[in-house]
């Protein structure tokens, strides 16, 4: 679980969002932990700040910063091959 030392860091927080057919439904919030109190936490997400009740937190942990560019896992096509066209999934038709 998170503590005061995690404020200002990127986190993922899973909260209980209700019940469906008698089973719990969860929602994840990913972003920067802005504040913590005994009753609520505030996370800066892409969609804006989200405040969650501490009692609804099911799991929470610090996560690494997002990757970008070459570190995102995309690799260039092998020599002599073209990368697939994202729109069609087929080979890139080229220029």
PDB file of N, CA and C in Angstrom:
ATOM      1  N   UNK A   1       0.862  -1.174   0.000  1.00  0.00           N
ATOM      2  CA  UNK A   1       0.000   0.000   0.000  1.00  0.00           C
ATOM      3  C   UNK A   1       0.905   1.233   0.000  1.00  0.00           C
ATOM      4  N   UNK A   2       0.365   2.335  -0.383  1.00  0.00           N
ATOM      5  CA  UNK A   2       1.133   3.568  -0.505  1.00  0.00           C
ATOM      6  C   UNK A   2       1.212   4.313   0.820  1.00  0.00           C
ATOM      7  N   UNK A   3       2.238   5.165   0.918  1.00  0.00           N
ATOM      8  CA  UNK A   3       2.406   6.000   2.098  1.00  0.00           C
ATOM      9  C   UNK A   3       2.722   7.427   1.701  1.00  0.00           C
ATOM     10  N   UNK A   4       2.966   8.270   2.681  1.00  0.00           N
ATOM     11  CA  UNK A   4       3.237   9.690   2.414  1.00  0.00           C
ATOM     12  C   UNK A   4       4.420   9.891   1.474  1.00  0.00           C
ATOM     13  N   UNK A   5       5.391   8.983   1.492  1.00  0.00           N
ATOM     14  CA  UNK A   5       6.559   9.097   0.623  1.00  0.00           C
ATOM     15  C   UNK A   5       6.244   8.888  -0.848  1.00  0.00           C
ATOM     16  N   UNK A   6       5.048   8.416  -1.155  1.00  0.00           N
ATOM     17  CA  UNK A   6       4.662   8.180  -2.547  1.00  0.00           C
ATOM     18  C   UNK A   6       3.980   9.384  -3.191  1.00  0.00           C
ATOM     19  N   UNK A   7       3.644  10.394  -2.411  1.00  0.00           N
ATOM     20  CA  UNK A   7       3.034  11.612  -2.964  1.00  0.00           C
ATOM     21  C   UNK A   7       4.028  12.234  -3.946  1.00  0.00           C
ATOM     22  N   UNK A   8       3.541  12.591  -5.134  1.00  0.00           N
ATOM     23  CA  UNK A   8       4.388  13.164  -6.173  1.00  0.00           C
ATOM     24  C   UNK A   8       4.914  12.128  -7.153  1.00  0.00           C
ATOM     25  N   UNK A   9       4.651  10.851  -6.902  1.00  0.00           N
ATOM     26  CA  UNK A   9       5.113   9.778  -7.779  1.00  0.00           C
ATOM     27  C   UNK A   9       3.950   9.204  -8.581  1.00  0.00           C
ATOM     28  N   UNK A  10       4.297   8.513  -9.667  1.00  0.00           N
ATOM     29  CA  UNK A  10       3.295   7.868 -10.522  1.00  0.00           C
ATOM     30  C   UNK A  10       2.816   6.594  -9.834  1.00  0.00           C
ATOM     31  N   UNK A  11       1.505   6.422  -9.783  1.00  0.00           N
ATOM     32  CA  UNK A  11       0.911   5.285  -9.086  1.00  0.00           C
ATOM     33  C   UNK A  11      -0.259   4.726  -9.889  1.00  0.00           C
ATOM     34  N   UNK A  12      -0.648   3.518  -9.544  1.00  0.00           N
ATOM     35  CA  UNK A  12      -1.918   2.969 -10.013  1.00  0.00           C
ATOM     36  C   UNK A  12      -2.700   2.591  -8.763  1.00  0.00           C
ATOM     37  N   UNK A  13      -3.970   3.004  -8.744  1.00  0.00           N
ATOM     38  CA  UNK A  13      -4.836   2.768  -7.588  1.00  0.00           C
ATOM     39  C   UNK A  13      -6.088   2.047  -8.081  1.00  0.00           C
ATOM     40  N   UNK A  14      -6.351   0.878  -7.529  1.00  0.00           N
ATOM     41  CA  UNK A  14      -7.564   0.116  -7.869  1.00  0.00           C
ATOM     42  C   UNK A  14      -8.589   0.349  -6.771  1.00  0.00           C
ATOM     43  N   UNK A  15      -9.770   0.819  -7.174  1.00  0.00           N
ATOM     44  CA  UNK A  15     -10.830   1.117  -6.202  1.00  0.00           C
ATOM     45  C   UNK A  15     -12.074   0.295  -6.514  1.00  0.00           C
ATOM     46  N   UNK A  16     -12.836   0.027  -5.484  1.00  0.00           N
ATOM     47  CA  UNK A  16     -14.129  -0.644  -5.647  1.00  0.00           C
ATOM     48  C   UNK A  16     -15.102   0.364  -6.254  1.00  0.00           C
ATOM     49  N   UNK A  17     -15.735  -0.021  -7.366  1.00  0.00           N
ATOM     50  CA  UNK A  17     -16.641   0.896  -8.059  1.00  0.00           C
ATOM     51  C   UNK A  17     -18.090   0.450  -7.960  1.00  0.00           C
ATOM     52  N   UNK A  18     -18.352  -0.606  -7.217  1.00  0.00           N
ATOM     53  CA  UNK A  18     -19.724  -1.077  -7.057  1.00  0.00           C
ATOM     54  C   UNK A  18     -19.811  -2.586  -7.132  1.00  0.00           C
ATOM     55  N   UNK A  19     -21.034  -3.057  -7.344  1.00  0.00           N
ATOM     56  CA  UNK A  19     -21.302  -4.490  -7.467  1.00  0.00           C
ATOM     57  C   UNK A  19     -22.043  -4.757  -8.763  1.00  0.00           C
ATOM     58  N   UNK A  20     -21.753  -5.892  -9.373  1.00  0.00           N
ATOM     59  CA  UNK A  20     -22.483  -6.349 -10.552  1.00  0.00           C
ATOM     60  C   UNK A  20     -22.757  -7.832 -10.347  1.00  0.00           C
ATOM     61  N   UNK A  21     -24.023  -8.185 -10.325  1.00  0.00           N
ATOM     62  CA  UNK A  21     -24.439  -9.567 -10.099  1.00  0.00           C
ATOM     63  C   UNK A  21     -23.819 -10.131  -8.821  1.00  0.00           C
ATOM     64  N   UNK A  22     -23.761  -9.291  -7.791  1.00  0.00           N
ATOM     65  CA  UNK A  22     -23.250  -9.714  -6.500  1.00  0.00           C
ATOM     66  C   UNK A  22     -21.741  -9.790  -6.384  1.00  0.00           C
ATOM     67  N   UNK A  23     -21.035  -9.378  -7.431  1.00  0.00           N
ATOM     68  CA  UNK A  23     -19.566  -9.426  -7.414  1.00  0.00           C
ATOM     69  C   UNK A  23     -19.009  -8.013  -7.490  1.00  0.00           C
ATOM     70  N   UNK A  24     -17.862  -7.781  -6.834  1.00  0.00           N
ATOM     71  CA  UNK A  24     -17.294  -6.430  -6.867  1.00  0.00           C
ATOM     72  C   UNK A  24     -16.796  -6.050  -8.261  1.00  0.00           C
ATOM     73  N   UNK A  25     -16.955  -4.784  -8.580  1.00  0.00           N
ATOM     74  CA  UNK A  25     -16.440  -4.208  -9.820  1.00  0.00           C
ATOM     75  C   UNK A  25     -15.367  -3.213  -9.412  1.00  0.00           C
ATOM     76  N   UNK A  26     -14.230  -3.232 -10.117  1.00  0.00           N
ATOM     77  CA  UNK A  26     -13.113  -2.356  -9.773  1.00  0.00           C
ATOM     78  C   UNK A  26     -12.824  -1.392 -10.911  1.00  0.00           C
ATOM     79  N   UNK A  27     -12.213  -0.273 -10.571  1.00  0.00           N
ATOM     80  CA  UNK A  27     -11.772   0.728 -11.538  1.00  0.00           C
ATOM     81  C   UNK A  27     -10.336   1.099 -11.165  1.00  0.00           C
ATOM     82  N   UNK A  28      -9.474   1.227 -12.175  1.00  0.00           N
ATOM     83  CA  UNK A  28      -8.082   1.617 -11.948  1.00  0.00           C
ATOM     84  C   UNK A  28      -7.885   3.079 -12.318  1.00  0.00           C
ATOM     85  N   UNK A  29      -7.090   3.766 -11.517  1.00  0.00           N
ATOM     86  CA  UNK A  29      -6.708   5.152 -11.794  1.00  0.00           C
ATOM     87  C   UNK A  29      -5.190   5.200 -11.850  1.00  0.00           C
ATOM     88  N   UNK A  30      -4.642   5.673 -12.976  1.00  0.00           N
ATOM     89  CA  UNK A  30      -3.206   5.763 -13.191  1.00  0.00           C
ATOM     90  C   UNK A  30      -2.823   7.224 -13.304  1.00  0.00           C
ATOM     91  N   UNK A  31      -1.842   7.645 -12.529  1.00  0.00           N
ATOM     92  CA  UNK A  31      -1.394   9.029 -12.594  1.00  0.00           C
ATOM     93  C   UNK A  31      -0.483   9.367 -11.439  1.00  0.00           C
ATOM     94  N   UNK A  32      -0.305  10.652 -11.208  1.00  0.00           N
ATOM     95  CA  UNK A  32       0.560  11.138 -10.133  1.00  0.00           C
ATOM     96  C   UNK A  32      -0.257  11.329  -8.870  1.00  0.00           C
ATOM     97  N   UNK A  33       0.223  10.754  -7.787  1.00  0.00           N
ATOM     98  CA  UNK A  33      -0.460  10.902  -6.500  1.00  0.00           C
ATOM     99  C   UNK A  33      -0.226  12.321  -5.992  1.00  0.00           C
ATOM    100  N   UNK A  34      -1.303  13.103  -5.902  1.00  0.00           N
ATOM    101  CA  UNK A  34      -1.196  14.503  -5.493  1.00  0.00           C
ATOM    102  C   UNK A  34      -1.273  14.683  -3.988  1.00  0.00           C
ATOM    103  N   UNK A  35      -2.161  13.919  -3.341  1.00  0.00           N
ATOM    104  CA  UNK A  35      -2.315  14.075  -1.890  1.00  0.00           C
ATOM    105  C   UNK A  35      -2.936  12.829  -1.293  1.00  0.00           C
ATOM    106  N   UNK A  36      -2.698  12.678   0.009  1.00  0.00           N
ATOM    107  CA  UNK A  36      -3.258  11.558   0.767  1.00  0.00           C
ATOM    108  C   UNK A  36      -3.733  12.081   2.107  1.00  0.00           C
ATOM    109  N   UNK A  37      -4.872  11.584   2.561  1.00  0.00           N
ATOM    110  CA  UNK A  37      -5.318  11.853   3.928  1.00  0.00           C
ATOM    111  C   UNK A  37      -5.853  10.535   4.481  1.00  0.00           C
ATOM    112  N   UNK A  38      -6.323  10.565   5.696  1.00  0.00           N
ATOM    113  CA  UNK A  38      -6.886   9.347   6.279  1.00  0.00           C
ATOM    114  C   UNK A  38      -8.166   8.915   5.577  1.00  0.00           C
ATOM    115  N   UNK A  39      -8.827   9.852   4.879  1.00  0.00           N
ATOM    116  CA  UNK A  39     -10.121   9.535   4.270  1.00  0.00           C
ATOM    117  C   UNK A  39     -10.129   9.534   2.742  1.00  0.00           C
ATOM    118  N   UNK A  40      -9.166  10.190   2.085  1.00  0.00           N
ATOM    119  CA  UNK A  40      -9.188  10.243   0.619  1.00  0.00           C
ATOM    120  C   UNK A  40      -7.792  10.423   0.033  1.00  0.00           C
ATOM    121  N   UNK A  41      -7.664  10.030  -1.228  1.00  0.00           N
ATOM    122  CA  UNK A  41      -6.449  10.228  -2.012  1.00  0.00           C
ATOM    123  C   UNK A  41      -6.844  10.963  -3.287  1.00  0.00           C
ATOM    124  N   UNK A  42      -5.942  11.816  -3.790  1.00  0.00           N
ATOM    125  CA  UNK A  42      -6.183  12.504  -5.058  1.00  0.00           C
ATOM    126  C   UNK A  42      -5.072  12.137  -6.027  1.00  0.00           C
ATOM    127  N   UNK A  43      -5.478  11.703  -7.232  1.00  0.00           N
ATOM    128  CA  UNK A  43      -4.550  11.278  -8.271  1.00  0.00           C
ATOM    129  C   UNK A  43      -4.761  12.158  -9.494  1.00  0.00           C
ATOM    130  N   UNK A  44      -3.673  12.700 -10.057  1.00  0.00           N
ATOM    131  CA  UNK A  44      -3.751  13.477 -11.301  1.00  0.00           C
ATOM    132  C   UNK A  44      -3.675  12.492 -12.462  1.00  0.00           C
ATOM    133  N   UNK A  45      -4.813  12.237 -13.116  1.00  0.00           N
ATOM    134  CA  UNK A  45      -4.865  11.315 -14.246  1.00  0.00           C
ATOM    135  C   UNK A  45      -4.897  12.109 -15.545  1.00  0.00           C
ATOM    136  N   UNK A  46      -4.816  11.424 -16.678  1.00  0.00           N
ATOM    137  CA  UNK A  46      -4.918  12.103 -17.982  1.00  0.00           C
ATOM    138  C   UNK A  46      -6.221  12.874 -18.113  1.00  0.00           C
ATOM    139  N   UNK A  47      -7.275  12.346 -17.531  1.00  0.00           N
ATOM    140  CA  UNK A  47      -8.588  12.981 -17.624  1.00  0.00           C
ATOM    141  C   UNK A  47      -8.822  14.067 -16.595  1.00  0.00           C
ATOM    142  N   UNK A  48      -7.826  14.328 -15.757  1.00  0.00           N
ATOM    143  CA  UNK A  48      -7.964  15.333 -14.708  1.00  0.00           C
ATOM    144  C   UNK A  48      -7.841  14.695 -13.337  1.00  0.00           C
ATOM    145  N   UNK A  49      -7.854  15.519 -12.291  1.00  0.00           N
ATOM    146  CA  UNK A  49      -7.695  14.973 -10.945  1.00  0.00           C
ATOM    147  C   UNK A  49      -8.893  14.123 -10.528  1.00  0.00           C
ATOM    148  N   UNK A  50      -8.584  13.026  -9.844  1.00  0.00           N
ATOM    149  CA  UNK A  50      -9.607  12.109  -9.340  1.00  0.00           C
ATOM    150  C   UNK A  50      -9.372  11.941  -7.844  1.00  0.00           C
ATOM    151  N   UNK A  51     -10.420  12.126  -7.050  1.00  0.00           N
ATOM    152  CA  UNK A  51     -10.332  11.895  -5.608  1.00  0.00           C
ATOM    153  C   UNK A  51     -11.101  10.626  -5.289  1.00  0.00           C
ATOM    154  N   UNK A  52     -10.434   9.712  -4.588  1.00  0.00           N
ATOM    155  CA  UNK A  52     -11.058   8.441  -4.217  1.00  0.00           C
ATOM    156  C   UNK A  52     -11.107   8.334  -2.702  1.00  0.00           C
ATOM    157  N   UNK A  53     -12.151   7.704  -2.210  1.00  0.00           N
ATOM    158  CA  UNK A  53     -12.267   7.467  -0.769  1.00  0.00           C
ATOM    159  C   UNK A  53     -11.264   6.391  -0.372  1.00  0.00           C
ATOM    160  N   UNK A  54     -10.531   6.642   0.679  1.00  0.00           N
ATOM    161  CA  UNK A  54      -9.535   5.678   1.156  1.00  0.00           C
ATOM    162  C   UNK A  54     -10.187   4.324   1.438  1.00  0.00           C
ATOM    163  N   UNK A  55     -11.397   4.327   1.928  1.00  0.00           N
ATOM    164  CA  UNK A  55     -12.100   3.084   2.243  1.00  0.00           C
ATOM    165  C   UNK A  55     -12.399   2.255   0.993  1.00  0.00           C
ATOM    166  N   UNK A  56     -12.430   2.886  -0.196  1.00  0.00           N
ATOM    167  CA  UNK A  56     -12.709   2.170  -1.444  1.00  0.00           C
ATOM    168  C   UNK A  56     -11.456   1.621  -2.114  1.00  0.00           C
ATOM    169  N   UNK A  57     -10.266   1.975  -1.618  1.00  0.00           N
ATOM    170  CA  UNK A  57      -9.018   1.514  -2.229  1.00  0.00           C
ATOM    171  C   UNK A  57      -8.840   0.025  -1.946  1.00  0.00           C
ATOM    172  N   UNK A  58      -8.698  -0.741  -3.019  1.00  0.00           N
ATOM    173  CA  UNK A  58      -8.495  -2.185  -2.898  1.00  0.00           C
ATOM    174  C   UNK A  58      -7.009  -2.524  -2.978  1.00  0.00           C
ATOM    175  N   UNK A  59      -6.309  -1.916  -3.930  1.00  0.00           N
ATOM    176  CA  UNK A  59      -4.874  -2.112  -4.118  1.00  0.00           C
ATOM    177  C   UNK A  59      -4.285  -0.803  -4.619  1.00  0.00           C
ATOM    178  N   UNK A  60      -2.992  -0.612  -4.348  1.00  0.00           N
ATOM    179  CA  UNK A  60      -2.305   0.576  -4.854  1.00  0.00           C
ATOM    180  C   UNK A  60      -0.813   0.306  -4.844  1.00  0.00           C
ATOM    181  N   UNK A  61      -0.123   0.827  -5.858  1.00  0.00           N
ATOM    182  CA  UNK A  61       1.330   0.678  -5.890  1.00  0.00           C
ATOM    183  C   UNK A  61       1.943   1.770  -6.751  1.00  0.00           C
ATOM    184  N   UNK A  62       3.228   2.022  -6.503  1.00  0.00           N
ATOM    185  CA  UNK A  62       3.985   2.949  -7.332  1.00  0.00           C
ATOM    186  C   UNK A  62       4.362   2.222  -8.619  1.00  0.00           C
ATOM    187  N   UNK A  63       4.340   2.952  -9.746  1.00  0.00           N
ATOM    188  CA  UNK A  63       4.686   2.362 -11.041  1.00  0.00           C
ATOM    189  C   UNK A  63       5.737   3.230 -11.718  1.00  0.00           C
ATOM    190  N   UNK A  64       6.510   2.647 -12.653  1.00  0.00           N
ATOM    191  CA  UNK A  64       7.548   3.426 -13.329  1.00  0.00           C
ATOM    192  C   UNK A  64       6.948   4.481 -14.252  1.00  0.00           C
ATOM    193  N   UNK A  65       7.752   5.470 -14.624  1.00  0.00           N
ATOM    194  CA  UNK A  65       7.271   6.499 -15.552  1.00  0.00           C
ATOM    195  C   UNK A  65       6.930   5.876 -16.905  1.00  0.00           C
ATOM    196  N   UNK A  66       6.088   6.548 -17.689  1.00  0.00           N
ATOM    197  CA  UNK A  66       5.725   5.997 -18.997  1.00  0.00           C
ATOM    198  C   UNK A  66       6.932   5.948 -19.925  1.00  0.00           C
ATOM    199  N   UNK A  67       6.918   4.989 -20.839  1.00  0.00           N
ATOM    200  CA  UNK A  67       7.992   4.888 -21.826  1.00  0.00           C
ATOM    201  C   UNK A  67       7.602   5.691 -23.053  1.00  0.00           C
ATOM    202  N   UNK A  68       8.604   6.094 -23.806  1.00  0.00           N
ATOM    203  CA  UNK A  68       8.322   6.835 -25.034  1.00  0.00           C
ATOM    204  C   UNK A  68       9.378   6.506 -26.067  1.00  0.00           C
ATOM    205  N   UNK A  69       9.076   6.790 -27.321  1.00  0.00           N
ATOM    206  CA  UNK A  69      10.034   6.596 -28.399  1.00  0.00           C
ATOM    207  C   UNK A  69      10.458   5.153 -28.558  1.00  0.00           C
ATOM    208  N   UNK A  70      11.759   4.942 -28.740  1.00  0.00           N
ATOM    209  CA  UNK A  70      12.298   3.609 -28.996  1.00  0.00           C
ATOM    210  C   UNK A  70      12.044   2.659 -27.838  1.00  0.00           C
ATOM    211  N   UNK A  71      11.906   3.192 -26.643  1.00  0.00           N
ATOM    212  CA  UNK A  71      11.695   2.339 -25.477  1.00  0.00           C
ATOM    213  C   UNK A  71      10.263   1.830 -25.385  1.00  0.00           C
ATOM    214  N   UNK A  72       9.390   2.236 -26.288  1.00  0.00           N
ATOM    215  CA  UNK A  72       7.983   1.848 -26.203  1.00  0.00           C
ATOM    216  C   UNK A  72       7.721   0.418 -26.646  1.00  0.00           C
ATOM    217  N   UNK A  73       8.746  -0.281 -27.115  1.00  0.00           N
ATOM    218  CA  UNK A  73       8.560  -1.663 -27.523  1.00  0.00           C
ATOM    219  C   UNK A  73       8.390  -1.841 -29.016  1.00  0.00           C
ATOM    220  N   UNK A  74       8.269  -0.764 -29.744  1.00  0.00           N
ATOM    221  CA  UNK A  74       8.159  -0.873 -31.197  1.00  0.00           C
ATOM    222  C   UNK A  74       9.553  -1.002 -31.778  1.00  0.00           C
ATOM    223  N   UNK A  75       9.676  -1.925 -32.728  1.00  0.00           N
ATOM    224  CA  UNK A  75      10.964  -2.105 -33.382  1.00  0.00           C
ATOM    225  C   UNK A  75      10.808  -1.826 -34.865  1.00  0.00           C
ATOM    226  N   UNK A  76      11.856  -1.332 -35.484  1.00  0.00           N
ATOM    227  CA  UNK A  76      11.768  -1.130 -36.929  1.00  0.00           C
ATOM    228  C   UNK A  76      11.703  -2.484 -37.635  1.00  0.00           C
ATOM    229  N   UNK A  77      11.210  -2.483 -38.863  1.00  0.00           N
ATOM    230  CA  UNK A  77      11.150  -3.715 -39.647  1.00  0.00           C
ATOM    231  C   UNK A  77      12.558  -4.208 -39.935  1.00  0.00           C
ATOM    232  N   UNK A  78      12.689  -5.517 -40.095  1.00  0.00           N
ATOM    233  CA  UNK A  78      13.982  -6.115 -40.426  1.00  0.00           C
ATOM    234  C   UNK A  78      14.407  -5.643 -41.811  1.00  0.00           C
ATOM    235  N   UNK A  79      15.723  -5.625 -42.083  1.00  0.00           N
ATOM    236  CA  UNK A  79      16.187  -5.205 -43.411  1.00  0.00           C
ATOM    237  C   UNK A  79      15.509  -6.034 -44.505  1.00  0.00           C
ATOM    238  N   UNK A  80      15.056  -5.359 -45.553  1.00  0.00           N
ATOM    239  CA  UNK A  80      14.403  -6.030 -46.660  1.00  0.00           C
ATOM    240  C   UNK A  80      12.916  -6.273 -46.444  1.00  0.00           C
ATOM    241  N   UNK A  81      12.408  -5.894 -45.283  1.00  0.00           N
ATOM    242  CA  UNK A  81      10.980  -6.078 -44.998  1.00  0.00           C
ATOM    243  C   UNK A  81      10.375  -4.728 -44.667  1.00  0.00           C
ATOM    244  N   UNK A  82       9.106  -4.591 -44.899  1.00  0.00           N
ATOM    245  CA  UNK A  82       8.436  -3.346 -44.545  1.00  0.00           C
ATOM    246  C   UNK A  82       7.579  -3.576 -43.312  1.00  0.00           C
ATOM    247  N   UNK A  83       7.432  -2.543 -42.550  1.00  0.00           N
ATOM    248  CA  UNK A  83       6.572  -2.616 -41.371  1.00  0.00           C
ATOM    249  C   UNK A  83       5.124  -2.663 -41.824  1.00  0.00           C
ATOM    250  N   UNK A  84       4.248  -3.331 -41.064  1.00  0.00           N
ATOM    251  CA  UNK A  84       2.843  -3.369 -41.464  1.00  0.00           C
ATOM    252  C   UNK A  84       2.205  -1.987 -41.433  1.00  0.00           C
ATOM    253  N   UNK A  85       1.287  -1.775 -42.344  1.00  0.00           N
ATOM    254  CA  UNK A  85       0.515  -0.541 -42.367  1.00  0.00           C
ATOM    255  C   UNK A  85      -0.486  -0.610 -41.221  1.00  0.00           C
ATOM    256  N   UNK A  86      -0.486   0.379 -40.351  1.00  0.00           N
ATOM    257  CA  UNK A  86      -1.359   0.355 -39.177  1.00  0.00           C
ATOM    258  C   UNK A  86      -2.835   0.356 -39.545  1.00  0.00           C
ATOM    259  N   UNK A  87      -3.193   1.001 -40.625  1.00  0.00           N
ATOM    260  CA  UNK A  87      -4.607   1.109 -40.988  1.00  0.00           C
ATOM    261  C   UNK A  87      -5.164  -0.220 -41.492  1.00  0.00           C
ATOM    262  N   UNK A  88      -4.366  -0.960 -42.259  1.00  0.00           N
ATOM    263  CA  UNK A  88      -4.873  -2.189 -42.872  1.00  0.00           C
ATOM    264  C   UNK A  88      -4.313  -3.448 -42.241  1.00  0.00           C
ATOM    265  N   UNK A  89      -3.186  -3.343 -41.555  1.00  0.00           N
ATOM    266  CA  UNK A  89      -2.529  -4.520 -41.000  1.00  0.00           C
ATOM    267  C   UNK A  89      -1.663  -5.228 -42.022  1.00  0.00           C
ATOM    268  N   UNK A  90      -1.737  -4.784 -43.286  1.00  0.00           N
ATOM    269  CA  UNK A  90      -0.932  -5.389 -44.346  1.00  0.00           C
ATOM    270  C   UNK A  90       0.392  -4.667 -44.504  1.00  0.00           C
ATOM    271  N   UNK A  91       1.191  -5.078 -45.490  1.00  0.00           N
ATOM    272  CA  UNK A  91       2.483  -4.417 -45.697  1.00  0.00           C
ATOM    273  C   UNK A  91       2.296  -2.947 -46.056  1.00  0.00           C
ATOM    274  N   UNK A  92       3.246  -2.151 -45.653  1.00  0.00           N
ATOM    275  CA  UNK A  92       3.233  -0.727 -45.975  1.00  0.00           C
ATOM    276  C   UNK A  92       3.441  -0.589 -47.478  1.00  0.00           C
ATOM    277  N   UNK A  93       2.527   0.095 -48.189  1.00  0.00           N
ATOM    278  CA  UNK A  93       2.670   0.210 -49.638  1.00  0.00           C
ATOM    279  C   UNK A  93       3.829   1.096 -50.062  1.00  0.00           C
ATOM    280  N   UNK A  94       4.434   1.798 -49.136  1.00  0.00           N
ATOM    281  CA  UNK A  94       5.565   2.654 -49.475  1.00  0.00           C
ATOM    282  C   UNK A  94       5.119   3.979 -50.052  1.00  0.00           C
ATOM    283  N   UNK A  95       6.100   4.785 -50.532  1.00  0.00           N
ATOM    284  CA  UNK A  95       5.747   6.118 -51.040  1.00  0.00           C
ATOM    285  C   UNK A  95       5.028   6.106 -52.361  1.00  0.00           C
TER     286      UNK A  95
END
